[in-house]
């Protein structure tokens, strides 16, 4: 049930965003213990003055292709799973749409089951546990 918010500059075409989406989803299924068909992503396309980032802090050099991926997930993952996910994500994003690993920032936040309502005003994750 992870939910990904992907922030990037506006200039990228739909095909680029689709490739980014597909690669991120594939990495989640392959290395982050996400089941098939569990796909929730939102793209935030920003003007240059709205995406402010350091070009060298803890990595880099970063380019205009910088992408910030914020993932909110319900169940915690081990450090090993997270590290494998980070590596697999940058591998796949380098293949398609062609983002360099130094241009990918990933932040994972964990929430509780009662923090999610997928539809109908129901905390579905709580009911699934019952």
N, C-alpha and C. Protein backbone atom coordinates (compact mmCIF):
# COMPACT_ATOMS: atom_id res chain seq x y z
N UNK A 1 0.79 -1.21 0.00
CA UNK A 1 0.00 0.00 0.00
C UNK A 1 0.83 1.27 0.00
N UNK A 2 2.07 1.23 -0.39
CA UNK A 2 2.81 2.48 -0.43
C UNK A 2 2.19 3.48 -1.40
N UNK A 3 2.37 4.72 -1.04
CA UNK A 3 1.90 5.85 -1.83
C UNK A 3 3.12 6.70 -2.13
N UNK A 4 3.39 6.95 -3.40
CA UNK A 4 4.58 7.70 -3.80
C UNK A 4 4.20 9.07 -4.35
N UNK A 5 4.87 10.09 -3.85
CA UNK A 5 4.76 11.44 -4.39
C UNK A 5 6.09 11.74 -5.07
N UNK A 6 6.02 12.04 -6.34
CA UNK A 6 7.21 12.23 -7.16
C UNK A 6 7.27 13.68 -7.59
N UNK A 7 8.30 14.40 -7.14
CA UNK A 7 8.45 15.81 -7.46
C UNK A 7 9.60 15.99 -8.43
N UNK A 8 9.34 16.80 -9.46
CA UNK A 8 10.33 17.02 -10.52
C UNK A 8 9.99 18.31 -11.26
N UNK A 9 10.90 18.74 -12.12
CA UNK A 9 10.63 19.92 -12.94
C UNK A 9 9.58 19.61 -14.00
N UNK A 10 8.88 20.63 -14.45
CA UNK A 10 7.76 20.50 -15.37
C UNK A 10 8.12 20.06 -16.78
N UNK A 11 9.31 20.26 -17.23
CA UNK A 11 9.62 20.13 -18.65
C UNK A 11 9.59 18.72 -19.22
N UNK A 12 9.42 17.71 -18.40
CA UNK A 12 9.49 16.32 -18.88
C UNK A 12 8.19 15.90 -19.56
N UNK A 13 8.29 15.19 -20.69
CA UNK A 13 7.09 14.75 -21.41
C UNK A 13 6.40 13.57 -20.72
N UNK A 14 5.19 13.28 -21.16
CA UNK A 14 4.39 12.19 -20.58
C UNK A 14 5.11 10.85 -20.65
N UNK A 15 5.83 10.57 -21.73
CA UNK A 15 6.55 9.29 -21.87
C UNK A 15 7.62 9.14 -20.79
N UNK A 16 8.28 10.23 -20.46
CA UNK A 16 9.30 10.23 -19.41
C UNK A 16 8.66 9.91 -18.07
N UNK A 17 7.55 10.57 -17.77
CA UNK A 17 6.87 10.32 -16.50
C UNK A 17 6.35 8.89 -16.43
N UNK A 18 5.85 8.36 -17.52
CA UNK A 18 5.36 6.98 -17.55
C UNK A 18 6.51 6.00 -17.28
N UNK A 19 7.66 6.23 -17.91
CA UNK A 19 8.82 5.36 -17.69
C UNK A 19 9.28 5.45 -16.23
N UNK A 20 9.29 6.64 -15.67
CA UNK A 20 9.66 6.82 -14.26
C UNK A 20 8.69 6.05 -13.37
N UNK A 21 7.40 6.22 -13.63
CA UNK A 21 6.37 5.52 -12.87
C UNK A 21 6.55 4.00 -12.95
N UNK A 22 6.73 3.50 -14.15
CA UNK A 22 6.89 2.05 -14.35
C UNK A 22 8.12 1.51 -13.64
N UNK A 23 9.23 2.23 -13.73
CA UNK A 23 10.47 1.77 -13.09
C UNK A 23 10.35 1.79 -11.58
N UNK A 24 9.76 2.85 -11.03
CA UNK A 24 9.58 2.93 -9.58
C UNK A 24 8.66 1.81 -9.09
N UNK A 25 7.56 1.59 -9.78
CA UNK A 25 6.64 0.53 -9.41
C UNK A 25 7.32 -0.85 -9.47
N UNK A 26 8.09 -1.08 -10.53
CA UNK A 26 8.81 -2.35 -10.66
C UNK A 26 9.78 -2.55 -9.48
N UNK A 27 10.50 -1.50 -9.11
CA UNK A 27 11.42 -1.60 -7.97
C UNK A 27 10.66 -1.90 -6.68
N UNK A 28 9.49 -1.31 -6.52
CA UNK A 28 8.70 -1.56 -5.32
C UNK A 28 8.25 -3.01 -5.25
N UNK A 29 7.80 -3.55 -6.37
CA UNK A 29 7.35 -4.95 -6.40
C UNK A 29 8.54 -5.89 -6.20
N UNK A 30 9.63 -5.62 -6.88
CA UNK A 30 10.79 -6.52 -6.83
C UNK A 30 11.54 -6.48 -5.50
N UNK A 31 11.61 -5.31 -4.85
CA UNK A 31 12.51 -5.23 -3.71
C UNK A 31 11.95 -4.55 -2.46
N UNK A 32 10.68 -4.12 -2.50
CA UNK A 32 10.11 -3.43 -1.34
C UNK A 32 8.88 -4.15 -0.79
N UNK A 33 8.69 -5.39 -1.22
CA UNK A 33 7.59 -6.23 -0.74
C UNK A 33 6.21 -5.61 -0.98
N UNK A 34 6.03 -5.09 -2.19
CA UNK A 34 4.75 -4.51 -2.58
C UNK A 34 4.06 -5.49 -3.53
N UNK A 35 2.80 -5.82 -3.28
CA UNK A 35 2.10 -6.77 -4.15
C UNK A 35 1.76 -6.13 -5.50
N UNK A 36 1.56 -6.97 -6.50
CA UNK A 36 1.10 -6.51 -7.81
C UNK A 36 -0.20 -5.74 -7.63
N UNK A 37 -0.43 -4.78 -8.50
CA UNK A 37 -1.64 -3.95 -8.55
C UNK A 37 -1.78 -2.99 -7.37
N UNK A 38 -0.77 -2.85 -6.55
CA UNK A 38 -0.77 -1.89 -5.46
C UNK A 38 0.01 -0.68 -5.95
N UNK A 39 -0.66 0.16 -6.74
CA UNK A 39 0.01 1.27 -7.41
C UNK A 39 -0.72 2.57 -7.12
N UNK A 40 -0.08 3.44 -6.35
CA UNK A 40 -0.59 4.77 -6.05
C UNK A 40 0.57 5.75 -6.14
N UNK A 41 0.53 6.62 -7.14
CA UNK A 41 1.59 7.60 -7.36
C UNK A 41 0.97 8.93 -7.77
N UNK A 42 1.58 10.00 -7.31
CA UNK A 42 1.17 11.34 -7.73
C UNK A 42 2.42 12.10 -8.13
N UNK A 43 2.36 12.71 -9.29
CA UNK A 43 3.47 13.53 -9.78
C UNK A 43 3.20 14.99 -9.45
N UNK A 44 4.22 15.63 -8.93
CA UNK A 44 4.21 17.08 -8.72
C UNK A 44 5.23 17.66 -9.69
N UNK A 45 4.76 18.39 -10.68
CA UNK A 45 5.65 19.02 -11.65
C UNK A 45 5.77 20.49 -11.30
N UNK A 46 6.98 20.91 -11.06
CA UNK A 46 7.22 22.21 -10.47
C UNK A 46 8.02 23.13 -11.40
N UNK A 47 7.81 24.43 -11.21
CA UNK A 47 8.65 25.41 -11.89
C UNK A 47 10.04 25.39 -11.27
N UNK A 48 11.01 25.93 -11.97
CA UNK A 48 12.40 25.91 -11.49
C UNK A 48 12.56 26.55 -10.11
N UNK A 49 11.80 27.59 -9.83
CA UNK A 49 11.94 28.24 -8.53
C UNK A 49 11.17 27.51 -7.42
N UNK A 50 10.45 26.45 -7.76
CA UNK A 50 9.69 25.69 -6.77
C UNK A 50 10.36 24.38 -6.38
N UNK A 51 11.39 23.99 -7.08
CA UNK A 51 12.15 22.78 -6.74
C UNK A 51 13.57 23.23 -6.41
N UNK A 52 13.81 23.42 -5.14
CA UNK A 52 15.08 23.96 -4.66
C UNK A 52 15.85 22.82 -4.01
N UNK A 53 17.07 22.58 -4.47
CA UNK A 53 17.87 21.49 -3.93
C UNK A 53 19.34 21.83 -4.05
N UNK A 54 20.12 21.27 -3.12
CA UNK A 54 21.55 21.46 -3.15
C UNK A 54 22.15 20.52 -4.19
N UNK A 55 23.01 21.00 -5.00
CA UNK A 55 23.57 20.19 -6.09
C UNK A 55 24.62 19.18 -5.62
N UNK A 56 25.09 19.30 -4.36
CA UNK A 56 26.18 18.42 -3.92
C UNK A 56 25.98 17.77 -2.55
N UNK A 57 24.99 18.16 -1.75
CA UNK A 57 24.83 17.64 -0.41
C UNK A 57 24.64 16.12 -0.42
N UNK A 58 25.52 15.41 0.25
CA UNK A 58 25.47 13.94 0.39
C UNK A 58 25.24 13.24 -0.94
N UNK A 59 25.96 13.64 -1.94
CA UNK A 59 25.83 13.04 -3.26
C UNK A 59 26.08 14.07 -4.33
N UNK A 60 25.66 13.74 -5.52
CA UNK A 60 25.79 14.69 -6.61
C UNK A 60 27.02 14.43 -7.44
N UNK A 61 27.25 15.27 -8.41
CA UNK A 61 26.51 16.50 -8.64
C UNK A 61 25.13 16.22 -9.23
N UNK A 62 24.15 16.98 -8.74
CA UNK A 62 22.77 16.84 -9.20
C UNK A 62 22.52 17.77 -10.38
N UNK A 63 21.65 17.32 -11.27
CA UNK A 63 21.35 18.09 -12.47
C UNK A 63 19.89 18.55 -12.45
N UNK A 64 19.43 19.11 -13.53
CA UNK A 64 18.04 19.52 -13.69
C UNK A 64 17.10 18.31 -13.74
N UNK A 65 17.65 17.10 -13.84
CA UNK A 65 16.84 15.88 -13.84
C UNK A 65 16.53 15.39 -12.43
N UNK A 66 16.94 16.15 -11.41
CA UNK A 66 16.70 15.77 -10.02
C UNK A 66 15.24 15.41 -9.80
N UNK A 67 15.02 14.29 -9.11
CA UNK A 67 13.68 13.84 -8.77
C UNK A 67 13.66 13.47 -7.29
N UNK A 68 12.62 13.93 -6.60
CA UNK A 68 12.43 13.62 -5.19
C UNK A 68 11.25 12.66 -5.09
N UNK A 69 11.48 11.49 -4.50
CA UNK A 69 10.45 10.47 -4.35
C UNK A 69 10.16 10.30 -2.86
N UNK A 70 8.96 10.69 -2.44
CA UNK A 70 8.55 10.55 -1.05
C UNK A 70 7.55 9.40 -0.98
N UNK A 71 7.90 8.38 -0.22
CA UNK A 71 7.05 7.20 -0.12
C UNK A 71 6.49 7.10 1.29
N UNK A 72 5.17 7.00 1.37
CA UNK A 72 4.50 6.74 2.64
C UNK A 72 4.02 5.31 2.60
N UNK A 73 4.39 4.55 3.61
CA UNK A 73 4.03 3.13 3.64
C UNK A 73 3.45 2.78 5.00
N UNK A 74 2.65 1.75 5.02
CA UNK A 74 2.00 1.34 6.25
C UNK A 74 2.83 0.39 7.08
N UNK A 75 3.43 -0.58 6.43
CA UNK A 75 4.19 -1.54 7.23
C UNK A 75 5.68 -1.22 7.15
N UNK A 76 6.34 -1.23 8.27
CA UNK A 76 7.78 -0.94 8.28
C UNK A 76 8.57 -1.98 7.50
N UNK A 77 9.65 -1.55 6.89
CA UNK A 77 10.57 -2.45 6.20
C UNK A 77 11.89 -2.45 6.96
N UNK A 78 12.62 -3.54 6.84
CA UNK A 78 13.93 -3.63 7.48
C UNK A 78 14.91 -2.72 6.75
N UNK A 79 16.01 -2.43 7.41
CA UNK A 79 17.06 -1.63 6.79
C UNK A 79 17.55 -2.31 5.52
N UNK A 80 17.71 -3.63 5.55
CA UNK A 80 18.19 -4.36 4.38
C UNK A 80 17.24 -4.22 3.20
N UNK A 81 15.93 -4.29 3.47
CA UNK A 81 14.94 -4.13 2.40
C UNK A 81 15.01 -2.72 1.84
N UNK A 82 15.11 -1.72 2.69
CA UNK A 82 15.19 -0.34 2.22
C UNK A 82 16.44 -0.12 1.37
N UNK A 83 17.58 -0.62 1.82
CA UNK A 83 18.82 -0.44 1.05
C UNK A 83 18.73 -1.12 -0.31
N UNK A 84 18.16 -2.32 -0.34
CA UNK A 84 17.97 -3.02 -1.62
C UNK A 84 17.03 -2.24 -2.53
N UNK A 85 15.98 -1.68 -1.95
CA UNK A 85 15.02 -0.89 -2.71
C UNK A 85 15.68 0.36 -3.30
N UNK A 86 16.48 1.07 -2.51
CA UNK A 86 17.18 2.25 -3.03
C UNK A 86 18.05 1.88 -4.23
N UNK A 87 18.83 0.80 -4.08
CA UNK A 87 19.73 0.38 -5.16
C UNK A 87 18.95 -0.03 -6.41
N UNK A 88 17.90 -0.82 -6.22
CA UNK A 88 17.13 -1.29 -7.37
C UNK A 88 16.42 -0.13 -8.07
N UNK A 89 15.92 0.81 -7.31
CA UNK A 89 15.23 1.96 -7.89
C UNK A 89 16.17 2.76 -8.79
N UNK A 90 17.36 3.09 -8.31
CA UNK A 90 18.26 3.89 -9.16
C UNK A 90 18.74 3.09 -10.36
N UNK A 91 18.90 1.77 -10.21
CA UNK A 91 19.26 0.93 -11.37
C UNK A 91 18.19 1.03 -12.45
N UNK A 92 16.94 0.84 -12.05
CA UNK A 92 15.84 0.85 -13.02
C UNK A 92 15.60 2.23 -13.60
N UNK A 93 15.70 3.27 -12.77
CA UNK A 93 15.51 4.63 -13.29
C UNK A 93 16.63 5.04 -14.25
N UNK A 94 17.82 4.49 -14.06
CA UNK A 94 18.91 4.76 -15.01
C UNK A 94 18.59 4.14 -16.37
N UNK A 95 17.95 2.97 -16.35
CA UNK A 95 17.56 2.30 -17.60
C UNK A 95 16.42 3.04 -18.29
N UNK A 96 15.40 3.40 -17.54
CA UNK A 96 14.24 4.11 -18.10
C UNK A 96 13.60 4.92 -16.99
N UNK A 97 13.58 6.18 -17.14
CA UNK A 97 13.74 7.03 -18.31
C UNK A 97 15.15 7.57 -18.55
N UNK A 98 16.14 7.09 -17.81
CA UNK A 98 17.51 7.55 -18.01
C UNK A 98 17.96 8.58 -16.99
N UNK A 99 17.51 8.43 -15.74
CA UNK A 99 17.90 9.35 -14.67
C UNK A 99 19.18 8.83 -14.02
N UNK A 100 20.15 9.70 -13.86
CA UNK A 100 21.40 9.32 -13.21
C UNK A 100 21.16 9.08 -11.72
N UNK A 101 21.82 8.09 -11.13
CA UNK A 101 21.59 7.78 -9.71
C UNK A 101 21.76 8.97 -8.76
N UNK A 102 22.68 9.86 -9.06
CA UNK A 102 22.89 11.02 -8.18
C UNK A 102 21.74 12.02 -8.24
N UNK A 103 20.83 11.86 -9.20
CA UNK A 103 19.67 12.75 -9.32
C UNK A 103 18.42 12.19 -8.66
N UNK A 104 18.55 11.09 -7.90
CA UNK A 104 17.39 10.46 -7.28
C UNK A 104 17.50 10.55 -5.76
N UNK A 105 16.52 11.21 -5.15
CA UNK A 105 16.42 11.27 -3.69
C UNK A 105 15.14 10.55 -3.29
N UNK A 106 15.26 9.62 -2.33
CA UNK A 106 14.11 8.84 -1.85
C UNK A 106 14.00 9.03 -0.35
N UNK A 107 12.78 9.33 0.11
CA UNK A 107 12.50 9.45 1.54
C UNK A 107 11.31 8.54 1.85
N UNK A 108 11.47 7.66 2.84
CA UNK A 108 10.41 6.72 3.22
C UNK A 108 9.87 7.12 4.59
N UNK A 109 8.53 7.24 4.68
CA UNK A 109 7.85 7.50 5.94
C UNK A 109 6.88 6.35 6.20
N UNK A 110 6.75 5.98 7.46
CA UNK A 110 5.87 4.87 7.83
C UNK A 110 4.67 5.41 8.61
N UNK A 111 3.51 4.83 8.36
CA UNK A 111 2.29 5.22 9.06
C UNK A 111 1.63 3.97 9.64
N UNK A 112 0.49 4.17 10.29
CA UNK A 112 -0.25 3.06 10.89
C UNK A 112 -1.44 2.69 10.00
N UNK A 113 -1.97 1.51 10.19
CA UNK A 113 -3.12 1.04 9.41
C UNK A 113 -4.31 1.99 9.49
N UNK A 114 -4.56 2.56 10.67
CA UNK A 114 -5.71 3.45 10.83
C UNK A 114 -5.53 4.79 10.12
N UNK A 115 -4.34 5.04 9.59
CA UNK A 115 -4.07 6.29 8.87
C UNK A 115 -4.48 6.24 7.41
N UNK A 116 -5.04 5.10 6.95
CA UNK A 116 -5.36 4.92 5.54
C UNK A 116 -6.85 4.64 5.35
N UNK A 117 -7.47 5.39 4.45
CA UNK A 117 -8.82 5.08 3.98
C UNK A 117 -8.74 5.12 2.46
N UNK A 118 -8.83 3.97 1.82
CA UNK A 118 -8.70 3.89 0.37
C UNK A 118 -9.98 4.28 -0.35
N UNK A 119 -11.12 4.13 0.30
CA UNK A 119 -12.39 4.48 -0.33
C UNK A 119 -13.53 4.34 0.67
N UNK A 120 -14.62 5.00 0.40
CA UNK A 120 -15.88 4.86 1.12
C UNK A 120 -15.82 5.26 2.59
N UNK A 121 -14.80 6.04 2.98
CA UNK A 121 -14.70 6.46 4.37
C UNK A 121 -14.43 5.33 5.33
N UNK A 122 -13.85 4.25 4.83
CA UNK A 122 -13.59 3.06 5.63
C UNK A 122 -12.08 2.89 5.81
N UNK A 123 -11.66 2.56 7.02
CA UNK A 123 -10.25 2.24 7.29
C UNK A 123 -10.04 0.79 6.88
N UNK A 124 -9.93 0.55 5.60
CA UNK A 124 -9.87 -0.79 5.04
C UNK A 124 -8.75 -1.67 5.57
N UNK A 125 -7.63 -1.06 5.90
CA UNK A 125 -6.51 -1.85 6.40
C UNK A 125 -6.83 -2.41 7.79
N UNK A 126 -7.58 -1.67 8.60
CA UNK A 126 -7.98 -2.17 9.91
C UNK A 126 -8.96 -3.33 9.76
N UNK A 127 -9.92 -3.18 8.86
CA UNK A 127 -10.92 -4.23 8.67
C UNK A 127 -10.29 -5.48 8.07
N UNK A 128 -9.27 -5.32 7.25
CA UNK A 128 -8.61 -6.48 6.65
C UNK A 128 -7.90 -7.31 7.70
N UNK A 129 -7.46 -6.65 8.79
CA UNK A 129 -6.77 -7.36 9.87
C UNK A 129 -7.75 -8.12 10.77
N UNK A 130 -9.02 -7.70 10.79
CA UNK A 130 -10.02 -8.31 11.69
C UNK A 130 -10.38 -9.71 11.25
